[in-house]
């Protein structure tokens, strides 16, 4: 349960710094993982991106401040919660509450409050999770890539599915390159500094990268490999959430500093028996 304790300690840090600057690197260090994995894990468990959670919490506290009888200026409240201009603050406030900061001071106006998140482990046990632990040497992937930033709201959530839709013509070329494990078309999130990452649609290969394609070296690592059965993308999204909320807290492992991999096999991805795998980089606690 140490994993959940560390997550809650990171939320304690965020709550203490809602007034001012929240350092994602510091929050991730408290949780003992990279910024990339911290934000990914948070969104899987909480069903909300980390940046959006922080924005909602700040706007909740800002609404409380506006309704107090202290006559505090809107610009002062905006600065307190990390906004350099009244315009940016007003835009964020209205997105959460549906009204402007000035209207929030009126009697009877309806506002929204988002409480602090607290993580807990619920041991259900009625649905098993299959996995295997594999030590694997470094291997190279070749494919196409795009750059994303987890700190930008919904950039990856909407961009990656669109990337897959646009990459259909590349898949046959990747199948020709495929000559080593993991066998399949890979979706690879390569964690970088901060919340930036490159996402590859690629395959594992020993062959040279064709013109117009990129390559990346996956480091030697220990992998927890989880089979996934069901129509995409719902089945793999549910599995990722269960890994973060059920398996990691009790497994004795934590995230390693290596990419996340989803391995897709040939078949009808909308079929109830479609099979793929999640490769999670792990290290013993």
Foldseek 3Di string as FASTA:
>chain_A
DVLQVLLQVLLVQLVVCQFPDDDLQVSQVSSPHASQVNQVLCCLAVVAGPLVVSLQQLLQVLLVVLQDPPPDDQCVSCNRRPHNDQVVVQVSNCVQFVDGSVCSNDPPRDGDHDDRDRADADDDPPDDWDKDKDFDAKFKKKFAKDKDFSNPPCCCVPVVVVVVVVCVVCVVVQQVFADDPPDAFKWKWWDDHRRMTMTGRTHTHPDDHDPPMDMDMWHGAMKIKTKWFAAPDVGVSNVSSCCSRPCVVPPQKDADNTMKMKGAHDDDNHDRGGMTMTITGIDGD
